[in-house]
Amino acid sequence: EIGSGLVGSEMCIRDRNNKILAIRCLAYNHERTIRQCLEGFVNQKTKYRFDVIVHDDASTDNTASIIREYEKKYPDIIKPIYEKENQYAHPGSLDKIMDNAAKDYKYVAICEGDDYWTDPYKLQKQISFLEKHLEYSMCCSNAIIVTPNGEKDWSISKNDIDLKIEDLIKKGGLYIATASIVYRREVKDDYPEYCKKCRVGDHPLQIMCGLKGKVRYLSSKMVAYRYGIGDSWSATRKKQDIHKLIEDWKSSIYMLEGLNEYSNHKYERYFYEGELQIILSNAGNYLEYAKLIFEEMTKIAPNCLKHTDLKSKIKIFLIKSRMSFVWGLLKKRKNDY
């Protein structure tokens, strides 16, 4: 019934001859977007063969059925994993499953089921670059951001450039369009557990690539990232319980603390700035819970407050001021009732 995909966390990929790249695709309740995502994979024009490791995390809609359709149509490309139990609920589980499935490949590309590729030569361009430049651990690109109000430009630079390690650390997982990433699989040979358990998996990967080699950004728009639409990751995050979100954000703090140690504190200032950025951005995005977020997260990252620039100090002041204002309004509303 399932073909080359196996139920659970085990998977056997057939015919790896001349296949140097695996595409990692995580899917959960993406029936409205997974078809466009898979089309972007099978339409890639390359000089080599590749596998698509698409993981359905026990979706409750028709996502798995659509994946089976593509598995049947492209059996030499689509290599699915179908879960009976949702693995995202177990921190670190998804990363271990996908790393195990991609362990025999030289390169790994990433694209989740709610995003898609727009350039049929994406993989060829990126692998050609990495094959010629061995000092690079990752190659990424510009992207289109698809929002409910239209498309926006992701652009980091108008030119092809090398990304700085301080930016990879400080600017979070959304600095680079995740769907554009191709990295050398060996980067994850000694991947720490705190990276695997980080709920924002692209951020530790980007930092590790920056610690182990150079990271190249291509200015061509080759992928599309959905933001705030339907079942996209960004949209579903807004619906989660604030206490659950705080625990997820804490996993990013633990990851930054761990990688600060891993790198022998060489970039300590940037790691502290990254921690503070996580705290301030989330407090600002969830203003009604800003006091709770600020207090809970600075408990586990006290050092980040000692290493702040003027801009960050102003943000802290503004958020604290806005917190007081909002709490006053909430108190008044409660008293009125």
C-alpha atoms as a PDB file:
ATOM      1  CA  GLU A   1       0.000   0.000   0.000  1.00  0.00           C
ATOM      2  CA  ILE A   2       2.757   2.447   0.930  1.00  0.00           C
ATOM      3  CA  GLY A   3       5.434   1.404  -1.556  1.00  0.00           C
ATOM      4  CA  SER A   4       8.970   2.660  -0.941  1.00  0.00           C
ATOM      5  CA  GLY A   5       7.887   4.704   2.074  1.00  0.00           C
ATOM      6  CA  LEU A   6       7.760   2.964   5.430  1.00  0.00           C
ATOM      7  CA  VAL A   7       5.478   3.710   8.341  1.00  0.00           C
ATOM      8  CA  GLY A   8       7.433   5.061  11.292  1.00  0.00           C
ATOM      9  CA  SER A   9      10.975   6.324  11.524  1.00  0.00           C
ATOM     10  CA  GLU A  10      12.738   3.712   9.380  1.00  0.00           C
ATOM     11  CA  MET A  11      13.245   4.217   5.667  1.00  0.00           C
ATOM     12  CA  CYS A  12      15.187   2.469   2.922  1.00  0.00           C
ATOM     13  CA  ILE A  13      16.190   4.548  -0.107  1.00  0.00           C
ATOM     14  CA  ARG A  14      16.796   2.431  -3.203  1.00  0.00           C
ATOM     15  CA  ASP A  15      19.282   3.063  -5.971  1.00  0.00           C
ATOM     16  CA  ARG A  16      21.597   5.684  -4.501  1.00  0.00           C
ATOM     17  CA  ASN A  17      24.037   5.363  -7.429  1.00  0.00           C
ATOM     18  CA  ASN A  18      25.219   8.809  -8.537  1.00  0.00           C
ATOM     19  CA  LYS A  19      22.882  10.529  -6.108  1.00  0.00           C
ATOM     20  CA  ILE A  20      24.766  13.104  -4.125  1.00  0.00           C
ATOM     21  CA  LEU A  21      21.890  15.179  -2.751  1.00  0.00           C
ATOM     22  CA  ALA A  22      18.837  14.625  -0.559  1.00  0.00           C
ATOM     23  CA  ILE A  23      16.010  17.125  -0.271  1.00  0.00           C
ATOM     24  CA  ARG A  24      14.542  17.307   3.246  1.00  0.00           C
ATOM     25  CA  CYS A  25      10.850  18.151   3.224  1.00  0.00           C
ATOM     26  CA  LEU A  26       8.793  18.230   6.427  1.00  0.00           C
ATOM     27  CA  ALA A  27       5.034  18.224   5.920  1.00  0.00           C
ATOM     28  CA  TYR A  28       2.128  18.457   8.329  1.00  0.00           C
ATOM     29  CA  ASN A  29      -1.420  19.349   7.251  1.00  0.00           C
ATOM     30  CA  HIS A  30      -0.122  20.979   4.089  1.00  0.00           C
ATOM     31  CA  GLU A  31      -2.718  19.666   1.641  1.00  0.00           C
ATOM     32  CA  ARG A  32      -3.194  23.153   0.162  1.00  0.00           C
ATOM     33  CA  THR A  33       0.512  23.672  -0.533  1.00  0.00           C
ATOM     34  CA  ILE A  34       2.319  20.308  -0.714  1.00  0.00           C
ATOM     35  CA  ARG A  35       1.539  19.730  -4.396  1.00  0.00           C
ATOM     36  CA  GLN A  36       3.233  22.974  -5.459  1.00  0.00           C
ATOM     37  CA  CYS A  37       6.137  22.127  -3.172  1.00  0.00           C
ATOM     38  CA  LEU A  38       6.641  18.659  -4.692  1.00  0.00           C
ATOM     39  CA  GLU A  39       6.311  20.030  -8.230  1.00  0.00           C
ATOM     40  CA  GLY A  40       9.218  22.335  -7.512  1.00  0.00           C
ATOM     41  CA  PHE A  41      11.331  19.279  -6.635  1.00  0.00           C
ATOM     42  CA  VAL A  42      10.486  16.984  -9.526  1.00  0.00           C
ATOM     43  CA  ASN A  43      10.945  19.825 -12.037  1.00  0.00           C
ATOM     44  CA  GLN A  44      14.572  20.419 -11.039  1.00  0.00           C
ATOM     45  CA  LYS A  45      16.992  20.113 -13.953  1.00  0.00           C
ATOM     46  CA  THR A  46      20.324  18.730 -12.763  1.00  0.00           C
ATOM     47  CA  LYS A  47      23.321  16.819 -14.099  1.00  0.00           C
ATOM     48  CA  TYR A  48      22.938  14.288 -11.281  1.00  0.00           C
ATOM     49  CA  ARG A  49      20.178  12.381  -9.554  1.00  0.00           C
ATOM     50  CA  PHE A  50      18.672  13.253  -6.207  1.00  0.00           C
ATOM     51  CA  ASP A  51      16.158  11.950  -3.695  1.00  0.00           C
ATOM     52  CA  VAL A  52      13.292  13.771  -2.019  1.00  0.00           C
ATOM     53  CA  ILE A  53      12.879  12.634   1.576  1.00  0.00           C
ATOM     54  CA  VAL A  54       9.407  13.918   2.333  1.00  0.00           C
ATOM     55  CA  HIS A  55       8.224  13.305   5.882  1.00  0.00           C
ATOM     56  CA  ASP A  56       4.509  13.376   6.677  1.00  0.00           C
ATOM     57  CA  ASP A  57       4.180  13.932  10.415  1.00  0.00           C
ATOM     58  CA  ALA A  58       0.859  12.114  10.894  1.00  0.00           C
ATOM     59  CA  SER A  59      -1.174  14.753   9.064  1.00  0.00           C
ATOM     60  CA  THR A  60      -4.905  14.785   9.749  1.00  0.00           C
ATOM     61  CA  ASP A  61      -5.823  16.107   6.292  1.00  0.00           C
ATOM     62  CA  ASN A  62      -5.032  14.809   2.766  1.00  0.00           C
ATOM     63  CA  THR A  63      -1.305  15.628   2.809  1.00  0.00           C
ATOM     64  CA  ALA A  64      -0.231  11.970   2.980  1.00  0.00           C
ATOM     65  CA  SER A  65      -2.545  11.038   0.097  1.00  0.00           C
ATOM     66  CA  ILE A  66      -0.998  13.689  -2.124  1.00  0.00           C
ATOM     67  CA  ILE A  67       2.497  12.505  -1.216  1.00  0.00           C
ATOM     68  CA  ARG A  68       1.491   8.918  -2.112  1.00  0.00           C
ATOM     69  CA  GLU A  69       0.263  10.191  -5.458  1.00  0.00           C
ATOM     70  CA  TYR A  70       3.701  11.686  -6.193  1.00  0.00           C
ATOM     71  CA  GLU A  71       5.479   8.631  -4.812  1.00  0.00           C
ATOM     72  CA  LYS A  72       3.613   6.492  -7.323  1.00  0.00           C
ATOM     73  CA  LYS A  73       4.279   8.906 -10.194  1.00  0.00           C
ATOM     74  CA  TYR A  74       7.982   9.498  -9.362  1.00  0.00           C
ATOM     75  CA  PRO A  75       9.154   6.359  -7.513  1.00  0.00           C
ATOM     76  CA  ASP A  76      12.842   7.025  -8.261  1.00  0.00           C
ATOM     77  CA  ILE A  77      12.686  10.510  -6.740  1.00  0.00           C
ATOM     78  CA  ILE A  78      10.053  10.676  -3.999  1.00  0.00           C
ATOM     79  CA  LYS A  79      11.110   8.676  -0.910  1.00  0.00           C
ATOM     80  CA  PRO A  80       8.505   9.288   1.787  1.00  0.00           C
ATOM     81  CA  ILE A  81       8.317   8.628   5.497  1.00  0.00           C
ATOM     82  CA  TYR A  82       4.805   8.306   6.927  1.00  0.00           C
ATOM     83  CA  GLU A  83       4.344   8.671  10.668  1.00  0.00           C
ATOM     84  CA  LYS A  84       1.513   7.186  12.703  1.00  0.00           C
ATOM     85  CA  GLU A  85       2.322   9.477  15.640  1.00  0.00           C
ATOM     86  CA  ASN A  86       3.247  13.151  15.392  1.00  0.00           C
ATOM     87  CA  GLN A  87       7.003  13.541  15.951  1.00  0.00           C
ATOM     88  CA  TYR A  88       7.136  17.331  16.295  1.00  0.00           C
ATOM     89  CA  ALA A  89       5.664  16.839  19.752  1.00  0.00           C
ATOM     90  CA  HIS A  90       8.953  15.173  20.775  1.00  0.00           C
ATOM     91  CA  PRO A  91      11.814  17.739  20.643  1.00  0.00           C
ATOM     92  CA  GLY A  92      14.759  16.454  18.640  1.00  0.00           C
ATOM     93  CA  SER A  93      12.883  13.503  17.127  1.00  0.00           C
ATOM     94  CA  LEU A  94      12.293  15.005  13.670  1.00  0.00           C
ATOM     95  CA  ASP A  95      15.895  16.095  13.275  1.00  0.00           C
ATOM     96  CA  LYS A  96      17.182  12.638  14.176  1.00  0.00           C
ATOM     97  CA  ILE A  97      14.798  10.947  11.738  1.00  0.00           C
ATOM     98  CA  MET A  98      15.706  13.236   8.862  1.00  0.00           C
ATOM     99  CA  ASP A  99      19.446  13.181   9.590  1.00  0.00           C
ATOM    100  CA  ASN A 100      19.387   9.392   9.582  1.00  0.00           C
ATOM    101  CA  ALA A 101      17.533   9.337   6.260  1.00  0.00           C
ATOM    102  CA  ALA A 102      20.084  11.718   4.680  1.00  0.00           C
ATOM    103  CA  LYS A 103      23.253  10.245   6.202  1.00  0.00           C
ATOM    104  CA  ASP A 104      24.606   8.741   2.945  1.00  0.00           C
ATOM    105  CA  TYR A 105      24.443  11.923   0.880  1.00  0.00           C
ATOM    106  CA  LYS A 106      27.051  14.606   0.256  1.00  0.00           C
ATOM    107  CA  TYR A 107      24.619  17.543   0.212  1.00  0.00           C
ATOM    108  CA  VAL A 108      21.230  18.289   1.747  1.00  0.00           C
ATOM    109  CA  ALA A 109      18.650  20.809   0.547  1.00  0.00           C
ATOM    110  CA  ILE A 110      15.723  22.006   2.646  1.00  0.00           C
ATOM    111  CA  CYS A 111      12.174  22.966   1.736  1.00  0.00           C
ATOM    112  CA  GLU A 112       9.175  22.482   4.009  1.00  0.00           C
ATOM    113  CA  GLY A 113       5.761  21.557   2.697  1.00  0.00           C
ATOM    114  CA  ASP A 114       4.310  25.058   2.838  1.00  0.00           C
ATOM    115  CA  ASP A 115       7.100  26.632   0.751  1.00  0.00           C
ATOM    116  CA  TYR A 116       8.187  25.991  -2.861  1.00  0.00           C
ATOM    117  CA  TRP A 117      10.952  26.473  -5.438  1.00  0.00           C
ATOM    118  CA  THR A 118      10.566  28.810  -8.396  1.00  0.00           C
ATOM    119  CA  ASP A 119      13.800  28.160 -10.325  1.00  0.00           C
ATOM    120  CA  PRO A 120      14.178  24.740 -12.057  1.00  0.00           C
ATOM    121  CA  TYR A 121      17.974  25.195 -12.011  1.00  0.00           C
ATOM    122  CA  LYS A 122      18.183  26.007  -8.292  1.00  0.00           C
ATOM    123  CA  LEU A 123      19.927  22.808  -7.227  1.00  0.00           C
ATOM    124  CA  GLN A 124      22.297  22.768 -10.182  1.00  0.00           C
ATOM    125  CA  LYS A 125      23.450  26.340  -9.514  1.00  0.00           C
ATOM    126  CA  GLN A 126      24.050  25.719  -5.828  1.00  0.00           C
ATOM    127  CA  ILE A 127      25.754  22.332  -6.119  1.00  0.00           C
ATOM    128  CA  SER A 128      27.972  23.628  -8.934  1.00  0.00           C
ATOM    129  CA  PHE A 129      29.106  26.430  -6.642  1.00  0.00           C
ATOM    130  CA  LEU A 130      29.769  24.123  -3.673  1.00  0.00           C
ATOM    131  CA  GLU A 131      31.618  21.597  -5.835  1.00  0.00           C
ATOM    132  CA  LYS A 132      33.976  24.326  -7.054  1.00  0.00           C
ATOM    133  CA  HIS A 133      34.449  26.035  -3.680  1.00  0.00           C
ATOM    134  CA  LEU A 134      35.270  23.482  -1.005  1.00  0.00           C
ATOM    135  CA  GLU A 135      35.718  26.108   1.703  1.00  0.00           C
ATOM    136  CA  TYR A 136      31.953  26.798   1.683  1.00  0.00           C
ATOM    137  CA  SER A 137      29.622  24.785   3.892  1.00  0.00           C
ATOM    138  CA  MET A 138      26.332  26.307   2.730  1.00  0.00           C
ATOM    139  CA  CYS A 139      24.805  28.052  -0.260  1.00  0.00           C
ATOM    140  CA  CYS A 140      21.508  29.949  -0.003  1.00  0.00           C
ATOM    141  CA  SER A 141      19.617  32.455  -2.135  1.00  0.00           C
ATOM    142  CA  ASN A 142      17.194  35.332  -2.367  1.00  0.00           C
ATOM    143  CA  ALA A 143      13.482  34.535  -2.104  1.00  0.00           C
ATOM    144  CA  ILE A 144       9.958  35.770  -2.653  1.00  0.00           C
ATOM    145  CA  ILE A 145       7.862  36.213   0.490  1.00  0.00           C
ATOM    146  CA  VAL A 146       4.244  35.320  -0.245  1.00  0.00           C
ATOM    147  CA  THR A 147       1.849  37.070   2.169  1.00  0.00           C
ATOM    148  CA  PRO A 148      -1.941  37.525   2.303  1.00  0.00           C
ATOM    149  CA  ASN A 149      -1.335  41.031   0.943  1.00  0.00           C
ATOM    150  CA  GLY A 150       0.888  40.063  -1.972  1.00  0.00           C
ATOM    151  CA  GLU A 151       4.557  39.304  -2.598  1.00  0.00           C
ATOM    152  CA  LYS A 152       7.601  40.900  -0.992  1.00  0.00           C
ATOM    153  CA  ASP A 153      11.328  40.683  -1.634  1.00  0.00           C
ATOM    154  CA  TRP A 154      13.482  38.791   0.885  1.00  0.00           C
ATOM    155  CA  SER A 155      16.724  40.281  -0.421  1.00  0.00           C
ATOM    156  CA  ILE A 156      19.770  40.328   1.879  1.00  0.00           C
ATOM    157  CA  SER A 157      21.907  41.941  -0.837  1.00  0.00           C
ATOM    158  CA  LYS A 158      21.598  42.948  -4.481  1.00  0.00           C
ATOM    159  CA  ASN A 159      24.819  41.054  -5.163  1.00  0.00           C
ATOM    160  CA  ASP A 160      26.157  37.554  -4.519  1.00  0.00           C
ATOM    161  CA  ILE A 161      28.021  37.821  -1.203  1.00  0.00           C
ATOM    162  CA  ASP A 162      29.500  35.841   1.677  1.00  0.00           C
ATOM    163  CA  LEU A 163      27.363  36.111   4.815  1.00  0.00           C
ATOM    164  CA  LYS A 164      29.050  37.145   8.057  1.00  0.00           C
ATOM    165  CA  ILE A 165      29.070  34.798  11.060  1.00  0.00           C
ATOM    166  CA  GLU A 166      27.861  37.619  13.331  1.00  0.00           C
ATOM    167  CA  ASP A 167      24.742  38.059  11.196  1.00  0.00           C
ATOM    168  CA  LEU A 168      24.065  34.302  11.142  1.00  0.00           C
ATOM    169  CA  ILE A 169      24.180  34.327  14.945  1.00  0.00           C
ATOM    170  CA  LYS A 170      22.333  37.570  15.703  1.00  0.00           C
ATOM    171  CA  LYS A 171      19.612  37.706  13.075  1.00  0.00           C
ATOM    172  CA  GLY A 172      17.822  34.421  13.758  1.00  0.00           C
ATOM    173  CA  GLY A 173      16.453  31.661  11.572  1.00  0.00           C
ATOM    174  CA  LEU A 174      14.568  34.068   9.326  1.00  0.00           C
ATOM    175  CA  TYR A 175      17.734  35.857   8.221  1.00  0.00           C
ATOM    176  CA  ILE A 176      18.105  33.253   5.467  1.00  0.00           C
ATOM    177  CA  ALA A 177      15.174  31.808   3.537  1.00  0.00           C
ATOM    178  CA  THR A 178      15.193  28.207   4.776  1.00  0.00           C
ATOM    179  CA  ALA A 179      13.761  26.881   1.514  1.00  0.00           C
ATOM    180  CA  SER A 180      16.856  28.206  -0.280  1.00  0.00           C
ATOM    181  CA  ILE A 181      19.438  26.306   1.809  1.00  0.00           C
ATOM    182  CA  VAL A 182      21.805  23.641   0.476  1.00  0.00           C
ATOM    183  CA  TYR A 183      24.510  22.500   2.915  1.00  0.00           C
ATOM    184  CA  ARG A 184      27.243  19.882   3.188  1.00  0.00           C
ATOM    185  CA  ARG A 185      25.818  16.989   5.159  1.00  0.00           C
ATOM    186  CA  GLU A 186      29.084  16.541   7.089  1.00  0.00           C
ATOM    187  CA  VAL A 187      28.340  19.814   8.917  1.00  0.00           C
ATOM    188  CA  LYS A 188      26.022  17.787  11.126  1.00  0.00           C
ATOM    189  CA  ASP A 189      28.509  15.010  11.938  1.00  0.00           C
ATOM    190  CA  ASP A 190      28.938  16.342  15.485  1.00  0.00           C
ATOM    191  CA  TYR A 191      25.639  18.192  15.773  1.00  0.00           C
ATOM    192  CA  PRO A 192      24.978  18.909  19.490  1.00  0.00           C
ATOM    193  CA  GLU A 193      21.790  17.734  21.172  1.00  0.00           C
ATOM    194  CA  TYR A 194      20.753  21.297  22.069  1.00  0.00           C
ATOM    195  CA  CYS A 195      20.774  22.105  18.336  1.00  0.00           C
ATOM    196  CA  LYS A 196      18.599  19.105  17.551  1.00  0.00           C
ATOM    197  CA  LYS A 197      16.103  20.085  20.254  1.00  0.00           C
ATOM    198  CA  CYS A 198      15.900  23.736  19.221  1.00  0.00           C
ATOM    199  CA  ARG A 199      12.350  24.368  18.019  1.00  0.00           C
ATOM    200  CA  VAL A 200      13.625  26.681  15.281  1.00  0.00           C
ATOM    201  CA  GLY A 201      15.798  24.167  13.481  1.00  0.00           C
ATOM    202  CA  ASP A 202      17.145  26.380  10.697  1.00  0.00           C
ATOM    203  CA  HIS A 203      18.907  28.829  13.025  1.00  0.00           C
ATOM    204  CA  PRO A 204      21.372  26.375  14.640  1.00  0.00           C
ATOM    205  CA  LEU A 205      22.071  24.857  11.212  1.00  0.00           C
ATOM    206  CA  GLN A 206      22.958  28.261   9.781  1.00  0.00           C
ATOM    207  CA  ILE A 207      25.265  29.027  12.704  1.00  0.00           C
ATOM    208  CA  MET A 208      26.979  25.623  12.511  1.00  0.00           C
ATOM    209  CA  CYS A 209      27.598  26.125   8.797  1.00  0.00           C
ATOM    210  CA  GLY A 210      29.081  29.526   9.576  1.00  0.00           C
ATOM    211  CA  LEU A 211      31.338  28.033  12.252  1.00  0.00           C
ATOM    212  CA  LYS A 212      32.546  25.239   9.961  1.00  0.00           C
ATOM    213  CA  GLY A 213      32.984  27.118   6.684  1.00  0.00           C
ATOM    214  CA  LYS A 214      31.847  30.030   4.561  1.00  0.00           C
ATOM    215  CA  VAL A 215      28.216  30.697   3.658  1.00  0.00           C
ATOM    216  CA  ARG A 216      27.401  32.011   0.183  1.00  0.00           C
ATOM    217  CA  TYR A 217      24.296  34.026  -0.654  1.00  0.00           C
ATOM    218  CA  LEU A 218      23.096  34.108  -4.272  1.00  0.00           C
ATOM    219  CA  SER A 219      21.020  37.169  -5.175  1.00  0.00           C
ATOM    220  CA  SER A 220      18.796  35.279  -7.645  1.00  0.00           C
ATOM    221  CA  LYS A 221      15.243  34.653  -6.430  1.00  0.00           C
ATOM    222  CA  MET A 222      14.923  30.883  -6.521  1.00  0.00           C
ATOM    223  CA  VAL A 223      12.351  30.041  -3.836  1.00  0.00           C
ATOM    224  CA  ALA A 224       9.113  31.253  -2.261  1.00  0.00           C
ATOM    225  CA  TYR A 225       8.355  31.463   1.462  1.00  0.00           C
ATOM    226  CA  ARG A 226       4.755  31.656   2.645  1.00  0.00           C
ATOM    227  CA  TYR A 227       4.192  33.993   5.579  1.00  0.00           C
ATOM    228  CA  GLY A 228       0.960  34.260   7.542  1.00  0.00           C
ATOM    229  CA  ILE A 229      -1.037  32.177   5.067  1.00  0.00           C
ATOM    230  CA  GLY A 230      -3.338  29.259   5.970  1.00  0.00           C
ATOM    231  CA  ASP A 231      -1.359  26.380   7.473  1.00  0.00           C
ATOM    232  CA  SER A 232       2.060  27.946   7.014  1.00  0.00           C
ATOM    233  CA  TRP A 233       4.443  27.686   9.958  1.00  0.00           C
ATOM    234  CA  SER A 234       4.263  31.422  10.647  1.00  0.00           C
ATOM    235  CA  ALA A 235       0.457  31.410  10.712  1.00  0.00           C
ATOM    236  CA  THR A 236       0.055  28.395  13.010  1.00  0.00           C
ATOM    237  CA  ARG A 237       2.596  29.787  15.510  1.00  0.00           C
ATOM    238  CA  LYS A 238       0.290  32.699  16.256  1.00  0.00           C
ATOM    239  CA  LYS A 239      -2.403  30.284  17.448  1.00  0.00           C
ATOM    240  CA  GLN A 240      -0.280  28.479  20.038  1.00  0.00           C
ATOM    241  CA  ASP A 241      -0.480  28.871  23.817  1.00  0.00           C
ATOM    242  CA  ILE A 242       1.905  31.565  25.084  1.00  0.00           C
ATOM    243  CA  HIS A 243       3.478  29.265  27.696  1.00  0.00           C
ATOM    244  CA  LYS A 244       4.232  26.696  25.003  1.00  0.00           C
ATOM    245  CA  LEU A 245       5.732  29.420  22.813  1.00  0.00           C
ATOM    246  CA  ILE A 246       7.948  30.643  25.662  1.00  0.00           C
ATOM    247  CA  GLU A 247       9.303  27.113  26.141  1.00  0.00           C
ATOM    248  CA  ASP A 248      10.035  26.964  22.396  1.00  0.00           C
ATOM    249  CA  TRP A 249      11.828  30.323  22.522  1.00  0.00           C
ATOM    250  CA  LYS A 250      13.833  29.124  25.510  1.00  0.00           C
ATOM    251  CA  SER A 251      15.126  26.234  23.391  1.00  0.00           C
ATOM    252  CA  SER A 252      16.677  28.863  21.096  1.00  0.00           C
ATOM    253  CA  ILE A 253      18.371  30.511  24.079  1.00  0.00           C
ATOM    254  CA  TYR A 254      19.766  27.155  25.229  1.00  0.00           C
ATOM    255  CA  MET A 255      21.016  26.551  21.688  1.00  0.00           C
ATOM    256  CA  LEU A 256      22.806  29.910  21.521  1.00  0.00           C
ATOM    257  CA  GLU A 257      24.337  29.343  24.958  1.00  0.00           C
ATOM    258  CA  GLY A 258      25.529  25.911  23.837  1.00  0.00           C
ATOM    259  CA  LEU A 259      27.040  27.113  20.562  1.00  0.00           C
ATOM    260  CA  ASN A 260      28.766  29.925  22.424  1.00  0.00           C
ATOM    261  CA  GLU A 261      30.547  27.215  24.432  1.00  0.00           C
ATOM    262  CA  TYR A 262      31.069  25.088  21.292  1.00  0.00           C
ATOM    263  CA  SER A 263      32.890  27.980  19.601  1.00  0.00           C
ATOM    264  CA  ASN A 264      35.020  28.628  22.718  1.00  0.00           C
ATOM    265  CA  HIS A 265      33.327  32.007  23.254  1.00  0.00           C
ATOM    266  CA  LYS A 266      35.005  33.394  20.128  1.00  0.00           C
ATOM    267  CA  TYR A 267      31.795  35.165  19.109  1.00  0.00           C
ATOM    268  CA  GLU A 268      30.325  35.632  22.599  1.00  0.00           C
ATOM    269  CA  ARG A 269      29.156  39.201  22.037  1.00  0.00           C
ATOM    270  CA  TYR A 270      27.133  38.138  19.016  1.00  0.00           C
ATOM    271  CA  PHE A 271      25.574  35.180  20.824  1.00  0.00           C
ATOM    272  CA  TYR A 272      24.415  37.489  23.638  1.00  0.00           C
ATOM    273  CA  GLU A 273      23.052  39.945  21.086  1.00  0.00           C
ATOM    274  CA  GLY A 274      21.210  37.055  19.441  1.00  0.00           C
ATOM    275  CA  GLU A 275      19.664  36.033  22.757  1.00  0.00           C
ATOM    276  CA  LEU A 276      18.505  39.557  23.454  1.00  0.00           C
ATOM    277  CA  GLN A 277      17.048  39.875  19.970  1.00  0.00           C
ATOM    278  CA  ILE A 278      14.924  36.745  20.529  1.00  0.00           C
ATOM    279  CA  ILE A 279      13.622  38.127  23.816  1.00  0.00           C
ATOM    280  CA  LEU A 280      12.882  41.628  22.525  1.00  0.00           C
ATOM    281  CA  SER A 281      11.273  40.572  19.249  1.00  0.00           C
ATOM    282  CA  ASN A 282       8.929  38.094  20.927  1.00  0.00           C
ATOM    283  CA  ALA A 283       8.026  40.532  23.704  1.00  0.00           C
ATOM    284  CA  GLY A 284       7.258  43.111  21.040  1.00  0.00           C
ATOM    285  CA  ASN A 285       5.192  40.676  18.943  1.00  0.00           C
ATOM    286  CA  TYR A 286       3.128  39.500  21.929  1.00  0.00           C
ATOM    287  CA  LEU A 287       2.800  42.776  23.795  1.00  0.00           C
ATOM    288  CA  GLU A 288       0.011  41.584  26.086  1.00  0.00           C
ATOM    289  CA  TYR A 289       2.427  38.949  27.416  1.00  0.00           C
ATOM    290  CA  ALA A 290       5.565  41.108  27.212  1.00  0.00           C
ATOM    291  CA  LYS A 291       6.147  41.225  30.980  1.00  0.00           C
ATOM    292  CA  LEU A 292       5.894  37.433  31.264  1.00  0.00           C
ATOM    293  CA  ILE A 293       8.130  36.851  28.225  1.00  0.00           C
ATOM    294  CA  PHE A 294      10.758  39.336  29.355  1.00  0.00           C
ATOM    295  CA  GLU A 295      10.934  38.006  32.913  1.00  0.00           C
ATOM    296  CA  GLU A 296      10.867  34.292  32.050  1.00  0.00           C
ATOM    297  CA  MET A 297      13.476  34.471  29.317  1.00  0.00           C
ATOM    298  CA  THR A 298      15.941  36.822  30.995  1.00  0.00           C
ATOM    299  CA  LYS A 299      16.047  34.367  33.909  1.00  0.00           C
ATOM    300  CA  ILE A 300      17.867  31.862  31.692  1.00  0.00           C
ATOM    301  CA  ALA A 301      19.856  34.468  29.737  1.00  0.00           C
ATOM    302  CA  PRO A 302      20.966  37.077  32.309  1.00  0.00           C
ATOM    303  CA  ASN A 303      24.284  37.795  30.597  1.00  0.00           C
ATOM    304  CA  CYS A 304      22.642  39.136  27.453  1.00  0.00           C
ATOM    305  CA  LEU A 305      21.466  42.209  29.391  1.00  0.00           C
ATOM    306  CA  LYS A 306      25.069  43.064  30.256  1.00  0.00           C
ATOM    307  CA  HIS A 307      26.163  43.105  26.632  1.00  0.00           C
ATOM    308  CA  THR A 308      23.716  45.472  24.989  1.00  0.00           C
ATOM    309  CA  ASP A 309      24.347  48.277  22.540  1.00  0.00           C
ATOM    310  CA  LEU A 310      22.473  51.587  22.612  1.00  0.00           C
ATOM    311  CA  LYS A 311      19.870  50.409  20.097  1.00  0.00           C
ATOM    312  CA  SER A 312      19.029  47.368  22.230  1.00  0.00           C
ATOM    313  CA  LYS A 313      18.851  49.489  25.389  1.00  0.00           C
ATOM    314  CA  ILE A 314      16.333  51.755  23.682  1.00  0.00           C
ATOM    315  CA  LYS A 315      14.264  48.709  22.638  1.00  0.00           C
ATOM    316  CA  ILE A 316      14.294  47.425  26.219  1.00  0.00           C
ATOM    317  CA  PHE A 317      13.141  50.809  27.489  1.00  0.00           C
ATOM    318  CA  LEU A 318      10.361  51.030  24.902  1.00  0.00           C
ATOM    319  CA  ILE A 319       9.108  47.511  25.563  1.00  0.00           C
ATOM    320  CA  LYS A 320       9.115  48.073  29.321  1.00  0.00           C
ATOM    321  CA  SER A 321       7.262  51.343  28.835  1.00  0.00           C
ATOM    322  CA  ARG A 322       4.709  49.695  26.550  1.00  0.00           C
ATOM    323  CA  MET A 323       4.381  46.830  29.023  1.00  0.00           C
ATOM    324  CA  SER A 324       3.431  49.262  31.779  1.00  0.00           C
ATOM    325  CA  PHE A 325       0.916  50.965  29.501  1.00  0.00           C
ATOM    326  CA  VAL A 326      -0.701  47.687  28.406  1.00  0.00           C
ATOM    327  CA  TRP A 327      -0.802  46.280  31.931  1.00  0.00           C
ATOM    328  CA  GLY A 328      -2.521  49.473  33.059  1.00  0.00           C
ATOM    329  CA  LEU A 329      -5.149  49.053  30.354  1.00  0.00           C
ATOM    330  CA  LEU A 330      -5.682  45.383  31.209  1.00  0.00           C
ATOM    331  CA  LYS A 331      -6.070  46.220  34.917  1.00  0.00           C
ATOM    332  CA  LYS A 332      -8.574  48.946  34.120  1.00  0.00           C
ATOM    333  CA  ARG A 333     -10.561  46.603  31.865  1.00  0.00           C
ATOM    334  CA  LYS A 334     -10.608  43.951  34.593  1.00  0.00           C
ATOM    335  CA  ASN A 335     -11.806  46.489  37.183  1.00  0.00           C
ATOM    336  CA  ASP A 336     -14.490  47.753  34.811  1.00  0.00           C
ATOM    337  CA  TYR A 337     -15.947  44.256  34.646  1.00  0.00           C
END
